[in-house]
């Protein structure tokens, strides 16, 4: 991920949540903050995916768009991300 300017945010967690986060952090040789940041990042990504799924459900791909999936040459001009 790209590093951006950080902002300090205070969040209240239950003792059980802190204990679980600390256990994950210890197992990953990471910090509590990094575990929470990563969990939030994954949660926000999941929400984005769910939003995209709703959009595709309302507006399915066209036949020509679906045909690209079956034609490897159809993707040759797609930039590598």
PDB file of N, CA and C in Angstrom:
ATOM      1  N   UNK A   1       0.834  -1.181   0.000  1.00  0.00           N
ATOM      2  CA  UNK A   1       0.000   0.000   0.000  1.00  0.00           C
ATOM      3  C   UNK A   1       0.875   1.239   0.000  1.00  0.00           C
ATOM      4  N   UNK A   2       0.318   2.304  -0.489  1.00  0.00           N
ATOM      5  CA  UNK A   2       1.045   3.554  -0.554  1.00  0.00           C
ATOM      6  C   UNK A   2       0.929   4.282   0.779  1.00  0.00           C
ATOM      7  N   UNK A   3       2.017   4.832   1.261  1.00  0.00           N
ATOM      8  CA  UNK A   3       2.007   5.520   2.550  1.00  0.00           C
ATOM      9  C   UNK A   3       1.511   6.947   2.356  1.00  0.00           C
ATOM     10  N   UNK A   4       0.479   7.309   3.090  1.00  0.00           N
ATOM     11  CA  UNK A   4      -0.068   8.654   3.037  1.00  0.00           C
ATOM     12  C   UNK A   4       0.094   9.293   4.409  1.00  0.00           C
ATOM     13  N   UNK A   5      -0.155  10.604   4.476  1.00  0.00           N
ATOM     14  CA  UNK A   5      -0.091  11.280   5.761  1.00  0.00           C
ATOM     15  C   UNK A   5      -1.059  10.599   6.717  1.00  0.00           C
ATOM     16  N   UNK A   6      -0.614  10.366   7.928  1.00  0.00           N
ATOM     17  CA  UNK A   6      -1.465   9.662   8.883  1.00  0.00           C
ATOM     18  C   UNK A   6      -2.145  10.648   9.820  1.00  0.00           C
ATOM     19  N   UNK A   7      -3.268  10.213  10.313  1.00  0.00           N
ATOM     20  CA  UNK A   7      -4.050  10.971  11.277  1.00  0.00           C
ATOM     21  C   UNK A   7      -4.299  10.052  12.467  1.00  0.00           C
ATOM     22  N   UNK A   8      -4.131  10.552  13.644  1.00  0.00           N
ATOM     23  CA  UNK A   8      -4.355   9.743  14.844  1.00  0.00           C
ATOM     24  C   UNK A   8      -5.854   9.683  15.122  1.00  0.00           C
ATOM     25  N   UNK A   9      -6.349   8.468  15.353  1.00  0.00           N
ATOM     26  CA  UNK A   9      -7.763   8.239  15.645  1.00  0.00           C
ATOM     27  C   UNK A   9      -7.847   7.372  16.895  1.00  0.00           C
ATOM     28  N   UNK A  10      -8.684   7.767  17.824  1.00  0.00           N
ATOM     29  CA  UNK A  10      -8.883   6.969  19.040  1.00  0.00           C
ATOM     30  C   UNK A  10     -10.124   6.099  18.853  1.00  0.00           C
ATOM     31  N   UNK A  11     -10.000   4.831  19.209  1.00  0.00           N
ATOM     32  CA  UNK A  11     -11.100   3.876  19.070  1.00  0.00           C
ATOM     33  C   UNK A  11     -11.207   3.099  20.371  1.00  0.00           C
ATOM     34  N   UNK A  12     -12.426   2.919  20.833  1.00  0.00           N
ATOM     35  CA  UNK A  12     -12.637   2.109  22.040  1.00  0.00           C
ATOM     36  C   UNK A  12     -12.891   0.661  21.630  1.00  0.00           C
ATOM     37  N   UNK A  13     -12.154  -0.238  22.253  1.00  0.00           N
ATOM     38  CA  UNK A  13     -12.305  -1.668  22.010  1.00  0.00           C
ATOM     39  C   UNK A  13     -12.544  -2.356  23.345  1.00  0.00           C
ATOM     40  N   UNK A  14     -13.212  -3.484  23.298  1.00  0.00           N
ATOM     41  CA  UNK A  14     -13.395  -4.260  24.520  1.00  0.00           C
ATOM     42  C   UNK A  14     -12.058  -4.906  24.892  1.00  0.00           C
ATOM     43  N   UNK A  15     -11.949  -5.301  26.139  1.00  0.00           N
ATOM     44  CA  UNK A  15     -10.724  -5.973  26.602  1.00  0.00           C
ATOM     45  C   UNK A  15     -10.477  -7.239  25.786  1.00  0.00           C
ATOM     46  N   UNK A  16     -11.552  -7.957  25.453  1.00  0.00           N
ATOM     47  CA  UNK A  16     -11.418  -9.179  24.656  1.00  0.00           C
ATOM     48  C   UNK A  16     -10.877  -8.866  23.262  1.00  0.00           C
ATOM     49  N   UNK A  17     -11.365  -7.794  22.650  1.00  0.00           N
ATOM     50  CA  UNK A  17     -10.875  -7.419  21.320  1.00  0.00           C
ATOM     51  C   UNK A  17      -9.397  -7.053  21.367  1.00  0.00           C
ATOM     52  N   UNK A  18      -9.007  -6.303  22.373  1.00  0.00           N
ATOM     53  CA  UNK A  18      -7.597  -5.916  22.507  1.00  0.00           C
ATOM     54  C   UNK A  18      -6.732  -7.151  22.698  1.00  0.00           C
ATOM     55  N   UNK A  19      -7.193  -8.071  23.511  1.00  0.00           N
ATOM     56  CA  UNK A  19      -6.442  -9.308  23.744  1.00  0.00           C
ATOM     57  C   UNK A  19      -6.278 -10.093  22.441  1.00  0.00           C
ATOM     58  N   UNK A  20      -7.343 -10.169  21.679  1.00  0.00           N
ATOM     59  CA  UNK A  20      -7.276 -10.903  20.404  1.00  0.00           C
ATOM     60  C   UNK A  20      -6.363 -10.203  19.406  1.00  0.00           C
ATOM     61  N   UNK A  21      -6.468  -8.876  19.313  1.00  0.00           N
ATOM     62  CA  UNK A  21      -5.593  -8.112  18.408  1.00  0.00           C
ATOM     63  C   UNK A  21      -4.141  -8.285  18.827  1.00  0.00           C
ATOM     64  N   UNK A  22      -3.872  -8.207  20.114  1.00  0.00           N
ATOM     65  CA  UNK A  22      -2.501  -8.374  20.602  1.00  0.00           C
ATOM     66  C   UNK A  22      -1.962  -9.770  20.275  1.00  0.00           C
ATOM     67  N   UNK A  23      -2.824 -10.778  20.372  1.00  0.00           N
ATOM     68  CA  UNK A  23      -2.403 -12.133  20.017  1.00  0.00           C
ATOM     69  C   UNK A  23      -2.039 -12.248  18.548  1.00  0.00           C
ATOM     70  N   UNK A  24      -2.841 -11.624  17.695  1.00  0.00           N
ATOM     71  CA  UNK A  24      -2.539 -11.627  16.256  1.00  0.00           C
ATOM     72  C   UNK A  24      -1.238 -10.875  16.007  1.00  0.00           C
ATOM     73  N   UNK A  25      -1.092  -9.708  16.633  1.00  0.00           N
ATOM     74  CA  UNK A  25       0.113  -8.897  16.437  1.00  0.00           C
ATOM     75  C   UNK A  25       1.368  -9.671  16.855  1.00  0.00           C
ATOM     76  N   UNK A  26       1.286 -10.340  17.990  1.00  0.00           N
ATOM     77  CA  UNK A  26       2.432 -11.112  18.462  1.00  0.00           C
ATOM     78  C   UNK A  26       2.775 -12.227  17.477  1.00  0.00           C
ATOM     79  N   UNK A  27       1.745 -12.914  16.993  1.00  0.00           N
ATOM     80  CA  UNK A  27       1.967 -14.003  16.042  1.00  0.00           C
ATOM     81  C   UNK A  27       2.567 -13.544  14.722  1.00  0.00           C
ATOM     82  N   UNK A  28       2.260 -12.305  14.343  1.00  0.00           N
ATOM     83  CA  UNK A  28       2.774 -11.758  13.086  1.00  0.00           C
ATOM     84  C   UNK A  28       4.028 -10.916  13.276  1.00  0.00           C
ATOM     85  N   UNK A  29       4.488 -10.811  14.527  1.00  0.00           N
ATOM     86  CA  UNK A  29       5.626  -9.937  14.850  1.00  0.00           C
ATOM     87  C   UNK A  29       5.343  -8.528  14.330  1.00  0.00           C
ATOM     88  N   UNK A  30       4.163  -8.055  14.645  1.00  0.00           N
ATOM     89  CA  UNK A  30       3.698  -6.767  14.170  1.00  0.00           C
ATOM     90  C   UNK A  30       3.206  -5.949  15.358  1.00  0.00           C
ATOM     91  N   UNK A  31       2.720  -4.759  15.075  1.00  0.00           N
ATOM     92  CA  UNK A  31       2.189  -3.915  16.142  1.00  0.00           C
ATOM     93  C   UNK A  31       0.669  -4.003  16.177  1.00  0.00           C
ATOM     94  N   UNK A  32       0.121  -3.648  17.298  1.00  0.00           N
ATOM     95  CA  UNK A  32      -1.333  -3.585  17.448  1.00  0.00           C
ATOM     96  C   UNK A  32      -1.914  -2.642  16.388  1.00  0.00           C
ATOM     97  N   UNK A  33      -1.296  -1.486  16.210  1.00  0.00           N
ATOM     98  CA  UNK A  33      -1.787  -0.509  15.230  1.00  0.00           C
ATOM     99  C   UNK A  33      -1.797  -1.081  13.823  1.00  0.00           C
ATOM    100  N   UNK A  34      -0.737  -1.794  13.460  1.00  0.00           N
ATOM    101  CA  UNK A  34      -0.660  -2.359  12.111  1.00  0.00           C
ATOM    102  C   UNK A  34      -1.746  -3.405  11.904  1.00  0.00           C
ATOM    103  N   UNK A  35      -2.018  -4.234  12.895  1.00  0.00           N
ATOM    104  CA  UNK A  35      -3.070  -5.243  12.782  1.00  0.00           C
ATOM    105  C   UNK A  35      -4.425  -4.562  12.588  1.00  0.00           C
ATOM    106  N   UNK A  36      -4.698  -3.522  13.363  1.00  0.00           N
ATOM    107  CA  UNK A  36      -5.979  -2.819  13.253  1.00  0.00           C
ATOM    108  C   UNK A  36      -6.085  -2.106  11.912  1.00  0.00           C
ATOM    109  N   UNK A  37      -4.993  -1.469  11.455  1.00  0.00           N
ATOM    110  CA  UNK A  37      -5.008  -0.813  10.136  1.00  0.00           C
ATOM    111  C   UNK A  37      -5.308  -1.817   9.034  1.00  0.00           C
ATOM    112  N   UNK A  38      -4.647  -2.974   9.091  1.00  0.00           N
ATOM    113  CA  UNK A  38      -4.834  -4.001   8.059  1.00  0.00           C
ATOM    114  C   UNK A  38      -6.259  -4.550   8.090  1.00  0.00           C
ATOM    115  N   UNK A  39      -6.793  -4.765   9.280  1.00  0.00           N
ATOM    116  CA  UNK A  39      -8.163  -5.262   9.403  1.00  0.00           C
ATOM    117  C   UNK A  39      -9.143  -4.247   8.819  1.00  0.00           C
ATOM    118  N   UNK A  40      -8.930  -2.973   9.100  1.00  0.00           N
ATOM    119  CA  UNK A  40      -9.803  -1.933   8.553  1.00  0.00           C
ATOM    120  C   UNK A  40      -9.683  -1.862   7.038  1.00  0.00           C
ATOM    121  N   UNK A  41      -8.465  -1.969   6.549  1.00  0.00           N
ATOM    122  CA  UNK A  41      -8.231  -1.953   5.101  1.00  0.00           C
ATOM    123  C   UNK A  41      -8.993  -3.093   4.422  1.00  0.00           C
ATOM    124  N   UNK A  42      -8.905  -4.288   4.987  1.00  0.00           N
ATOM    125  CA  UNK A  42      -9.606  -5.446   4.414  1.00  0.00           C
ATOM    126  C   UNK A  42     -11.122  -5.284   4.499  1.00  0.00           C
ATOM    127  N   UNK A  43     -11.614  -4.720   5.597  1.00  0.00           N
ATOM    128  CA  UNK A  43     -13.046  -4.498   5.746  1.00  0.00           C
ATOM    129  C   UNK A  43     -13.547  -3.487   4.710  1.00  0.00           C
ATOM    130  N   UNK A  44     -12.823  -2.391   4.522  1.00  0.00           N
ATOM    131  CA  UNK A  44     -13.227  -1.398   3.533  1.00  0.00           C
ATOM    132  C   UNK A  44     -13.174  -1.971   2.117  1.00  0.00           C
ATOM    133  N   UNK A  45     -12.173  -2.817   1.841  1.00  0.00           N
ATOM    134  CA  UNK A  45     -12.093  -3.480   0.541  1.00  0.00           C
ATOM    135  C   UNK A  45     -13.310  -4.382   0.331  1.00  0.00           C
ATOM    136  N   UNK A  46     -13.696  -5.111   1.365  1.00  0.00           N
ATOM    137  CA  UNK A  46     -14.876  -5.988   1.267  1.00  0.00           C
ATOM    138  C   UNK A  46     -16.134  -5.178   0.969  1.00  0.00           C
ATOM    139  N   UNK A  47     -16.280  -4.030   1.649  1.00  0.00           N
ATOM    140  CA  UNK A  47     -17.440  -3.174   1.375  1.00  0.00           C
ATOM    141  C   UNK A  47     -17.440  -2.687  -0.073  1.00  0.00           C
ATOM    142  N   UNK A  48     -16.263  -2.332  -0.585  1.00  0.00           N
ATOM    143  CA  UNK A  48     -16.158  -1.919  -1.994  1.00  0.00           C
ATOM    144  C   UNK A  48     -16.574  -3.051  -2.928  1.00  0.00           C
ATOM    145  N   UNK A  49     -16.124  -4.266  -2.623  1.00  0.00           N
ATOM    146  CA  UNK A  49     -16.475  -5.430  -3.456  1.00  0.00           C
ATOM    147  C   UNK A  49     -17.976  -5.699  -3.415  1.00  0.00           C
ATOM    148  N   UNK A  50     -18.568  -5.581  -2.242  1.00  0.00           N
ATOM    149  CA  UNK A  50     -20.013  -5.788  -2.127  1.00  0.00           C
ATOM    150  C   UNK A  50     -20.777  -4.730  -2.913  1.00  0.00           C
ATOM    151  N   UNK A  51     -20.304  -3.486  -2.868  1.00  0.00           N
ATOM    152  CA  UNK A  51     -20.919  -2.416  -3.656  1.00  0.00           C
ATOM    153  C   UNK A  51     -20.809  -2.725  -5.153  1.00  0.00           C
ATOM    154  N   UNK A  52     -19.626  -3.152  -5.583  1.00  0.00           N
ATOM    155  CA  UNK A  52     -19.434  -3.498  -6.991  1.00  0.00           C
ATOM    156  C   UNK A  52     -20.355  -4.640  -7.406  1.00  0.00           C
ATOM    157  N   UNK A  53     -20.517  -5.628  -6.541  1.00  0.00           N
ATOM    158  CA  UNK A  53     -21.398  -6.757  -6.850  1.00  0.00           C
ATOM    159  C   UNK A  53     -22.836  -6.287  -7.035  1.00  0.00           C
ATOM    160  N   UNK A  54     -23.276  -5.339  -6.198  1.00  0.00           N
ATOM    161  CA  UNK A  54     -24.636  -4.809  -6.352  1.00  0.00           C
ATOM    162  C   UNK A  54     -24.787  -4.075  -7.680  1.00  0.00           C
ATOM    163  N   UNK A  55     -23.760  -3.332  -8.074  1.00  0.00           N
ATOM    164  CA  UNK A  55     -23.802  -2.615  -9.358  1.00  0.00           C
ATOM    165  C   UNK A  55     -23.881  -3.610 -10.504  1.00  0.00           C
ATOM    166  N   UNK A  56     -23.052  -4.650 -10.486  1.00  0.00           N
ATOM    167  CA  UNK A  56     -23.078  -5.658 -11.547  1.00  0.00           C
ATOM    168  C   UNK A  56     -24.397  -6.424 -11.563  1.00  0.00           C
ATOM    169  N   UNK A  57     -25.021  -6.597 -10.402  1.00  0.00           N
ATOM    170  CA  UNK A  57     -26.319  -7.275 -10.360  1.00  0.00           C
ATOM    171  C   UNK A  57     -27.388  -6.410 -11.037  1.00  0.00           C
ATOM    172  N   UNK A  58     -27.288  -5.097 -10.843  1.00  0.00           N
ATOM    173  CA  UNK A  58     -28.250  -4.184 -11.482  1.00  0.00           C
ATOM    174  C   UNK A  58     -27.956  -3.999 -12.960  1.00  0.00           C
ATOM    175  N   UNK A  59     -26.670  -3.977 -13.309  1.00  0.00           N
ATOM    176  CA  UNK A  59     -26.239  -3.723 -14.687  1.00  0.00           C
ATOM    177  C   UNK A  59     -25.248  -4.809 -15.106  1.00  0.00           C
ATOM    178  N   UNK A  60     -25.746  -5.973 -15.475  1.00  0.00           N
ATOM    179  CA  UNK A  60     -24.840  -7.068 -15.853  1.00  0.00           C
ATOM    180  C   UNK A  60     -23.965  -6.701 -17.053  1.00  0.00           C
ATOM    181  N   UNK A  61     -22.860  -7.413 -17.178  1.00  0.00           N
ATOM    182  CA  UNK A  61     -21.980  -7.205 -18.324  1.00  0.00           C
ATOM    183  C   UNK A  61     -22.718  -7.545 -19.609  1.00  0.00           C
ATOM    184  N   UNK A  62     -22.364  -6.839 -20.677  1.00  0.00           N
ATOM    185  CA  UNK A  62     -22.959  -7.115 -21.983  1.00  0.00           C
ATOM    186  C   UNK A  62     -22.331  -8.374 -22.570  1.00  0.00           C
ATOM    187  N   UNK A  63     -22.938  -8.882 -23.613  1.00  0.00           N
ATOM    188  CA  UNK A  63     -22.399 -10.076 -24.281  1.00  0.00           C
ATOM    189  C   UNK A  63     -20.997  -9.819 -24.806  1.00  0.00           C
ATOM    190  N   UNK A  64     -20.748  -8.629 -25.340  1.00  0.00           N
ATOM    191  CA  UNK A  64     -19.410  -8.332 -25.864  1.00  0.00           C
ATOM    192  C   UNK A  64     -18.385  -8.222 -24.731  1.00  0.00           C
ATOM    193  N   UNK A  65     -18.791  -7.702 -23.576  1.00  0.00           N
ATOM    194  CA  UNK A  65     -17.883  -7.640 -22.436  1.00  0.00           C
ATOM    195  C   UNK A  65     -17.570  -9.043 -21.922  1.00  0.00           C
ATOM    196  N   UNK A  66     -18.588  -9.895 -21.864  1.00  0.00           N
ATOM    197  CA  UNK A  66     -18.371 -11.275 -21.429  1.00  0.00           C
ATOM    198  C   UNK A  66     -17.492 -12.038 -22.413  1.00  0.00           C
ATOM    199  N   UNK A  67     -17.593 -11.722 -23.699  1.00  0.00           N
ATOM    200  CA  UNK A  67     -16.790 -12.404 -24.712  1.00  0.00           C
ATOM    201  C   UNK A  67     -15.295 -12.148 -24.496  1.00  0.00           C
ATOM    202  N   UNK A  68     -14.957 -10.993 -23.952  1.00  0.00           N
ATOM    203  CA  UNK A  68     -13.543 -10.691 -23.692  1.00  0.00           C
ATOM    204  C   UNK A  68     -12.921 -11.701 -22.728  1.00  0.00           C
ATOM    205  N   UNK A  69     -13.716 -12.182 -21.787  1.00  0.00           N
ATOM    206  CA  UNK A  69     -13.200 -13.146 -20.815  1.00  0.00           C
ATOM    207  C   UNK A  69     -12.779 -14.449 -21.474  1.00  0.00           C
ATOM    208  N   UNK A  70     -13.387 -14.783 -22.591  1.00  0.00           N
ATOM    209  CA  UNK A  70     -13.073 -16.023 -23.298  1.00  0.00           C
ATOM    210  C   UNK A  70     -11.993 -15.838 -24.353  1.00  0.00           C
ATOM    211  N   UNK A  71     -11.569 -14.594 -24.601  1.00  0.00           N
ATOM    212  CA  UNK A  71     -10.607 -14.309 -25.661  1.00  0.00           C
ATOM    213  C   UNK A  71      -9.358 -13.660 -25.068  1.00  0.00           C
ATOM    214  N   UNK A  72      -8.282 -14.437 -24.866  1.00  0.00           N
ATOM    215  CA  UNK A  72      -7.065 -13.859 -24.282  1.00  0.00           C
ATOM    216  C   UNK A  72      -6.533 -12.675 -25.083  1.00  0.00           C
ATOM    217  N   UNK A  73      -6.714 -12.677 -26.385  1.00  0.00           N
ATOM    218  CA  UNK A  73      -6.237 -11.567 -27.204  1.00  0.00           C
ATOM    219  C   UNK A  73      -7.028 -10.295 -26.918  1.00  0.00           C
ATOM    220  N   UNK A  74      -8.245 -10.450 -26.417  1.00  0.00           N
ATOM    221  CA  UNK A  74      -9.067  -9.287 -26.113  1.00  0.00           C
ATOM    222  C   UNK A  74      -8.492  -8.440 -24.994  1.00  0.00           C
ATOM    223  N   UNK A  75      -7.550  -9.003 -24.232  1.00  0.00           N
ATOM    224  CA  UNK A  75      -6.962  -8.291 -23.102  1.00  0.00           C
ATOM    225  C   UNK A  75      -5.557  -7.774 -23.386  1.00  0.00           C
ATOM    226  N   UNK A  76      -5.065  -7.960 -24.607  1.00  0.00           N
ATOM    227  CA  UNK A  76      -3.664  -7.635 -24.900  1.00  0.00           C
ATOM    228  C   UNK A  76      -3.327  -6.166 -24.697  1.00  0.00           C
ATOM    229  N   UNK A  77      -4.295  -5.270 -24.883  1.00  0.00           N
ATOM    230  CA  UNK A  77      -4.029  -3.843 -24.724  1.00  0.00           C
ATOM    231  C   UNK A  77      -4.324  -3.324 -23.312  1.00  0.00           C
ATOM    232  N   UNK A  78      -4.707  -4.219 -22.424  1.00  0.00           N
ATOM    233  CA  UNK A  78      -4.995  -3.808 -21.052  1.00  0.00           C
ATOM    234  C   UNK A  78      -3.681  -3.568 -20.311  1.00  0.00           C
ATOM    235  N   UNK A  79      -3.552  -2.420 -19.676  1.00  0.00           N
ATOM    236  CA  UNK A  79      -2.281  -2.157 -18.971  1.00  0.00           C
ATOM    237  C   UNK A  79      -2.083  -3.105 -17.791  1.00  0.00           C
ATOM    238  N   UNK A  80      -0.839  -3.423 -17.529  1.00  0.00           N
ATOM    239  CA  UNK A  80      -0.496  -4.265 -16.377  1.00  0.00           C
ATOM    240  C   UNK A  80      -0.521  -3.384 -15.132  1.00  0.00           C
ATOM    241  N   UNK A  81      -1.297  -3.770 -14.151  1.00  0.00           N
ATOM    242  CA  UNK A  81      -1.367  -2.984 -12.916  1.00  0.00           C
ATOM    243  C   UNK A  81      -0.459  -3.608 -11.964  1.00  0.00           C
TER     244      UNK A  81
END
